[in-house]
Amino acid sequence: MAVLENIESGRKADLSISQLLNIASGLGVPVSMLLAPMARPEAELDLPNLSGHFDGMTAAEFDCWLSATPLSSYRPRLAAERGDIDVLNSLRELGTLRRELERLGVVLGVQSASGDPDFAGSNDEVRERIGRLTQEVGRVVELLASAGISGGSASAS
């Protein structure tokens, strides 16, 4: 609370990254809401001491840059940055695929434990979907490994 009081009173002008993240988390808002005029997405970013890379960047573009959002209003200028964004998106995809595998594992377990013969056909469909998702997880893990990122095994963690 003292940090917030000092910021609001103007006694503290600089924040550490951890303080900024803690404030955003405490308020339940994305960090970009604290840094950019998100209520006016087309407004230019107005943060002091940023490099020329940010000149002319809008609030919406800044949010997309900060979150590495694909197919957004922000366009990376460098191939390395595009590659990094691709890696981040692959990591997000891997997390989504693994959560779906875990969910389907629970569904299969519940349906199998029920002993209901009506679930027999449905169980086969769930197993097929698990097989396809497991292959996709393997593909994403290999892709990440080729970028030097350890994504773990192809199975759900």
C-alpha atoms as a PDB file:
ATOM      1  CA  MET A   1       0.000   0.000   0.000  1.00  0.00           C
ATOM      2  CA  ALA A   2       2.848   2.391   0.777  1.00  0.00           C
ATOM      3  CA  VAL A   3       4.155   2.013  -2.779  1.00  0.00           C
ATOM      4  CA  LEU A   4       0.739   2.935  -4.201  1.00  0.00           C
ATOM      5  CA  GLU A   5       0.422   5.920  -1.877  1.00  0.00           C
ATOM      6  CA  ASN A   6       3.875   7.146  -2.912  1.00  0.00           C
ATOM      7  CA  ILE A   7       3.039   6.736  -6.611  1.00  0.00           C
ATOM      8  CA  GLU A   8      -0.283   8.544  -6.263  1.00  0.00           C
ATOM      9  CA  SER A   9       1.293  11.406  -4.311  1.00  0.00           C
ATOM     10  CA  GLY A  10       4.131  11.776  -6.799  1.00  0.00           C
ATOM     11  CA  ARG A  11       6.840  10.857  -4.285  1.00  0.00           C
ATOM     12  CA  LYS A  12       7.766   7.761  -6.324  1.00  0.00           C
ATOM     13  CA  ALA A  13       8.192   8.089 -10.074  1.00  0.00           C
ATOM     14  CA  ASP A  14       9.956   4.839 -10.970  1.00  0.00           C
ATOM     15  CA  LEU A  15       8.675   1.325 -10.408  1.00  0.00           C
ATOM     16  CA  SER A  16      10.441  -1.985 -10.572  1.00  0.00           C
ATOM     17  CA  ILE A  17       9.029  -4.569 -12.929  1.00  0.00           C
ATOM     18  CA  SER A  18       7.931  -6.697  -9.961  1.00  0.00           C
ATOM     19  CA  GLN A  19       6.078  -3.731  -8.414  1.00  0.00           C
ATOM     20  CA  LEU A  20       4.330  -3.024 -11.721  1.00  0.00           C
ATOM     21  CA  LEU A  21       3.322  -6.678 -12.116  1.00  0.00           C
ATOM     22  CA  ASN A  22       2.103  -6.868  -8.515  1.00  0.00           C
ATOM     23  CA  ILE A  23      -0.012  -3.736  -8.960  1.00  0.00           C
ATOM     24  CA  ALA A  24      -1.522  -5.041 -12.205  1.00  0.00           C
ATOM     25  CA  SER A  25      -2.245  -8.388 -10.569  1.00  0.00           C
ATOM     26  CA  GLY A  26      -3.761  -6.717  -7.504  1.00  0.00           C
ATOM     27  CA  LEU A  27      -6.017  -4.615  -9.697  1.00  0.00           C
ATOM     28  CA  GLY A  28      -6.833  -7.596 -11.899  1.00  0.00           C
ATOM     29  CA  VAL A  29      -5.824  -5.821 -15.108  1.00  0.00           C
ATOM     30  CA  PRO A  30      -3.290  -6.526 -17.851  1.00  0.00           C
ATOM     31  CA  VAL A  31      -0.050  -4.549 -17.515  1.00  0.00           C
ATOM     32  CA  SER A  32      -0.780  -2.696 -20.753  1.00  0.00           C
ATOM     33  CA  MET A  33      -3.791  -1.068 -19.058  1.00  0.00           C
ATOM     34  CA  LEU A  34      -1.394   0.630 -16.646  1.00  0.00           C
ATOM     35  CA  LEU A  35       1.160   1.656 -19.264  1.00  0.00           C
ATOM     36  CA  ALA A  36      -0.825   2.802 -22.288  1.00  0.00           C
ATOM     37  CA  PRO A  37      -4.013   4.771 -22.923  1.00  0.00           C
ATOM     38  CA  MET A  38      -6.000   1.624 -23.765  1.00  0.00           C
ATOM     39  CA  ALA A  39      -9.304   3.521 -23.625  1.00  0.00           C
ATOM     40  CA  ARG A  40      -8.009   5.278 -26.754  1.00  0.00           C
ATOM     41  CA  PRO A  41      -6.362   2.429 -28.686  1.00  0.00           C
ATOM     42  CA  GLU A  42      -5.331   4.646 -31.607  1.00  0.00           C
ATOM     43  CA  ALA A  43      -3.615   7.178 -29.326  1.00  0.00           C
ATOM     44  CA  GLU A  44       0.168   7.206 -29.503  1.00  0.00           C
ATOM     45  CA  LEU A  45       2.104   5.669 -26.670  1.00  0.00           C
ATOM     46  CA  ASP A  46       3.374   8.353 -24.319  1.00  0.00           C
ATOM     47  CA  LEU A  47       5.898   6.759 -21.976  1.00  0.00           C
ATOM     48  CA  PRO A  48       9.130   8.613 -21.200  1.00  0.00           C
ATOM     49  CA  ASN A  49      12.603   7.235 -21.922  1.00  0.00           C
ATOM     50  CA  LEU A  50      11.628   4.627 -24.524  1.00  0.00           C
ATOM     51  CA  SER A  51      13.797   3.862 -27.527  1.00  0.00           C
ATOM     52  CA  GLY A  52      12.931   5.114 -30.990  1.00  0.00           C
ATOM     53  CA  HIS A  53      11.407   1.692 -31.728  1.00  0.00           C
ATOM     54  CA  PHE A  54       8.278   2.895 -29.907  1.00  0.00           C
ATOM     55  CA  ASP A  55       7.964   6.211 -31.767  1.00  0.00           C
ATOM     56  CA  GLY A  56       4.515   6.476 -33.328  1.00  0.00           C
ATOM     57  CA  MET A  57       3.345   3.194 -31.775  1.00  0.00           C
ATOM     58  CA  THR A  58      -0.319   3.300 -30.760  1.00  0.00           C
ATOM     59  CA  ALA A  59      -1.703   1.942 -27.495  1.00  0.00           C
ATOM     60  CA  ALA A  60      -3.230  -0.992 -29.387  1.00  0.00           C
ATOM     61  CA  GLU A  61       0.059  -1.768 -31.121  1.00  0.00           C
ATOM     62  CA  PHE A  62       1.886  -1.550 -27.793  1.00  0.00           C
ATOM     63  CA  ASP A  63      -0.536  -4.010 -26.206  1.00  0.00           C
ATOM     64  CA  CYS A  64      -0.037  -6.423 -29.119  1.00  0.00           C
ATOM     65  CA  TRP A  65       3.739  -6.026 -28.891  1.00  0.00           C
ATOM     66  CA  LEU A  66       3.712  -6.546 -25.126  1.00  0.00           C
ATOM     67  CA  SER A  67       1.588  -9.687 -25.370  1.00  0.00           C
ATOM     68  CA  ALA A  68       3.191 -10.960 -28.616  1.00  0.00           C
ATOM     69  CA  THR A  69      -0.279 -11.318 -30.079  1.00  0.00           C
ATOM     70  CA  PRO A  70      -0.189 -12.889 -33.540  1.00  0.00           C
ATOM     71  CA  LEU A  71      -2.034 -11.345 -36.488  1.00  0.00           C
ATOM     72  CA  SER A  72      -2.429  -8.105 -34.605  1.00  0.00           C
ATOM     73  CA  SER A  73      -1.989  -4.446 -35.314  1.00  0.00           C
ATOM     74  CA  TYR A  74       1.685  -4.645 -34.305  1.00  0.00           C
ATOM     75  CA  ARG A  75       4.092  -5.837 -36.997  1.00  0.00           C
ATOM     76  CA  PRO A  76       7.558  -6.921 -35.867  1.00  0.00           C
ATOM     77  CA  ARG A  77      10.349  -5.167 -37.748  1.00  0.00           C
ATOM     78  CA  LEU A  78      13.022  -7.814 -37.288  1.00  0.00           C
ATOM     79  CA  ALA A  79      13.029 -11.475 -38.298  1.00  0.00           C
ATOM     80  CA  ALA A  80      14.392 -12.417 -34.853  1.00  0.00           C
ATOM     81  CA  GLU A  81      11.426 -10.726 -33.185  1.00  0.00           C
ATOM     82  CA  ARG A  82       9.006 -12.572 -35.489  1.00  0.00           C
ATOM     83  CA  GLY A  83      10.760 -15.802 -34.563  1.00  0.00           C
ATOM     84  CA  ASP A  84      10.465 -15.047 -30.851  1.00  0.00           C
ATOM     85  CA  ILE A  85       6.760 -14.298 -31.258  1.00  0.00           C
ATOM     86  CA  ASP A  86       6.321 -17.598 -33.107  1.00  0.00           C
ATOM     87  CA  VAL A  87       8.037 -19.429 -30.241  1.00  0.00           C
ATOM     88  CA  LEU A  88       5.785 -17.744 -27.666  1.00  0.00           C
ATOM     89  CA  ASN A  89       2.705 -18.658 -29.665  1.00  0.00           C
ATOM     90  CA  SER A  90       3.910 -22.253 -29.999  1.00  0.00           C
ATOM     91  CA  LEU A  91       4.367 -22.404 -26.212  1.00  0.00           C
ATOM     92  CA  ARG A  92       0.815 -21.101 -25.766  1.00  0.00           C
ATOM     93  CA  GLU A  93      -0.489 -23.666 -28.248  1.00  0.00           C
ATOM     94  CA  LEU A  94       1.365 -26.434 -26.407  1.00  0.00           C
ATOM     95  CA  GLY A  95      -0.256 -25.396 -23.125  1.00  0.00           C
ATOM     96  CA  THR A  96      -3.698 -25.374 -24.728  1.00  0.00           C
ATOM     97  CA  LEU A  97      -3.174 -28.800 -26.293  1.00  0.00           C
ATOM     98  CA  ARG A  98      -1.966 -30.285 -23.007  1.00  0.00           C
ATOM     99  CA  ARG A  99      -4.927 -28.870 -21.081  1.00  0.00           C
ATOM    100  CA  GLU A 100      -7.274 -30.405 -23.663  1.00  0.00           C
ATOM    101  CA  LEU A 101      -5.505 -33.766 -23.350  1.00  0.00           C
ATOM    102  CA  GLU A 102      -5.931 -33.638 -19.578  1.00  0.00           C
ATOM    103  CA  ARG A 103      -9.630 -32.759 -19.982  1.00  0.00           C
ATOM    104  CA  LEU A 104     -10.199 -35.605 -22.423  1.00  0.00           C
ATOM    105  CA  GLY A 105      -8.382 -37.987 -20.075  1.00  0.00           C
ATOM    106  CA  VAL A 106     -10.842 -37.071 -17.325  1.00  0.00           C
ATOM    107  CA  VAL A 107     -13.801 -37.484 -19.711  1.00  0.00           C
ATOM    108  CA  LEU A 108     -12.549 -40.902 -20.781  1.00  0.00           C
ATOM    109  CA  GLY A 109     -11.974 -41.949 -17.174  1.00  0.00           C
ATOM    110  CA  VAL A 110     -15.467 -40.885 -16.077  1.00  0.00           C
ATOM    111  CA  GLN A 111     -17.154 -42.492 -19.059  1.00  0.00           C
ATOM    112  CA  SER A 112     -15.183 -45.734 -18.653  1.00  0.00           C
ATOM    113  CA  ALA A 113     -15.845 -45.892 -14.907  1.00  0.00           C
ATOM    114  CA  SER A 114     -19.576 -45.471 -15.453  1.00  0.00           C
ATOM    115  CA  GLY A 115     -19.825 -48.867 -17.136  1.00  0.00           C
ATOM    116  CA  ASP A 116     -22.591 -47.451 -19.330  1.00  0.00           C
ATOM    117  CA  PRO A 117     -22.574 -49.289 -22.684  1.00  0.00           C
ATOM    118  CA  ASP A 118     -23.869 -46.137 -24.373  1.00  0.00           C
ATOM    119  CA  PHE A 119     -20.434 -44.580 -23.792  1.00  0.00           C
ATOM    120  CA  ALA A 120     -18.576 -47.324 -25.689  1.00  0.00           C
ATOM    121  CA  GLY A 121     -18.778 -45.529 -29.050  1.00  0.00           C
ATOM    122  CA  SER A 122     -18.105 -42.203 -27.420  1.00  0.00           C
ATOM    123  CA  ASN A 123     -15.015 -43.618 -25.696  1.00  0.00           C
ATOM    124  CA  ASP A 124     -13.628 -44.627 -29.087  1.00  0.00           C
ATOM    125  CA  GLU A 125     -14.148 -41.079 -30.359  1.00  0.00           C
ATOM    126  CA  VAL A 126     -12.428 -39.644 -27.290  1.00  0.00           C
ATOM    127  CA  ARG A 127      -9.489 -42.046 -27.721  1.00  0.00           C
ATOM    128  CA  GLU A 128      -9.161 -41.023 -31.382  1.00  0.00           C
ATOM    129  CA  ARG A 129      -9.170 -37.359 -30.408  1.00  0.00           C
ATOM    130  CA  ILE A 130      -6.553 -38.036 -27.729  1.00  0.00           C
ATOM    131  CA  GLY A 131      -4.413 -39.757 -30.369  1.00  0.00           C
ATOM    132  CA  ARG A 132      -4.673 -36.799 -32.766  1.00  0.00           C
ATOM    133  CA  LEU A 133      -3.925 -34.296 -30.001  1.00  0.00           C
ATOM    134  CA  THR A 134      -0.947 -36.345 -28.814  1.00  0.00           C
ATOM    135  CA  GLN A 135       0.472 -36.246 -32.359  1.00  0.00           C
ATOM    136  CA  GLU A 136      -0.057 -32.483 -32.494  1.00  0.00           C
ATOM    137  CA  VAL A 137       1.646 -32.039 -29.108  1.00  0.00           C
ATOM    138  CA  GLY A 138       4.583 -34.036 -30.484  1.00  0.00           C
ATOM    139  CA  ARG A 139       4.732 -31.801 -33.555  1.00  0.00           C
ATOM    140  CA  VAL A 140       4.764 -28.625 -31.436  1.00  0.00           C
ATOM    141  CA  VAL A 141       7.367 -30.089 -29.038  1.00  0.00           C
ATOM    142  CA  GLU A 142       9.616 -30.911 -32.023  1.00  0.00           C
ATOM    143  CA  LEU A 143       9.102 -27.425 -33.442  1.00  0.00           C
ATOM    144  CA  LEU A 144      10.065 -25.861 -30.123  1.00  0.00           C
ATOM    145  CA  ALA A 145      13.065 -28.191 -29.781  1.00  0.00           C
ATOM    146  CA  SER A 146      14.288 -27.031 -33.198  1.00  0.00           C
ATOM    147  CA  ALA A 147      14.211 -23.488 -31.775  1.00  0.00           C
ATOM    148  CA  GLY A 148      16.238 -24.591 -28.736  1.00  0.00           C
ATOM    149  CA  ILE A 149      13.241 -24.599 -26.377  1.00  0.00           C
ATOM    150  CA  SER A 150      12.604 -27.594 -24.144  1.00  0.00           C
ATOM    151  CA  GLY A 151       8.881 -28.253 -24.370  1.00  0.00           C
ATOM    152  CA  GLY A 152       9.016 -31.515 -22.490  1.00  0.00           C
ATOM    153  CA  SER A 153       7.554 -34.747 -23.750  1.00  0.00           C
ATOM    154  CA  ALA A 154       4.679 -35.162 -26.155  1.00  0.00           C
ATOM    155  CA  SER A 155       2.407 -36.397 -23.353  1.00  0.00           C
ATOM    156  CA  ALA A 156       0.381 -34.152 -21.060  1.00  0.00           C
ATOM    157  CA  SER A 157       2.375 -32.926 -18.067  1.00  0.00           C
END
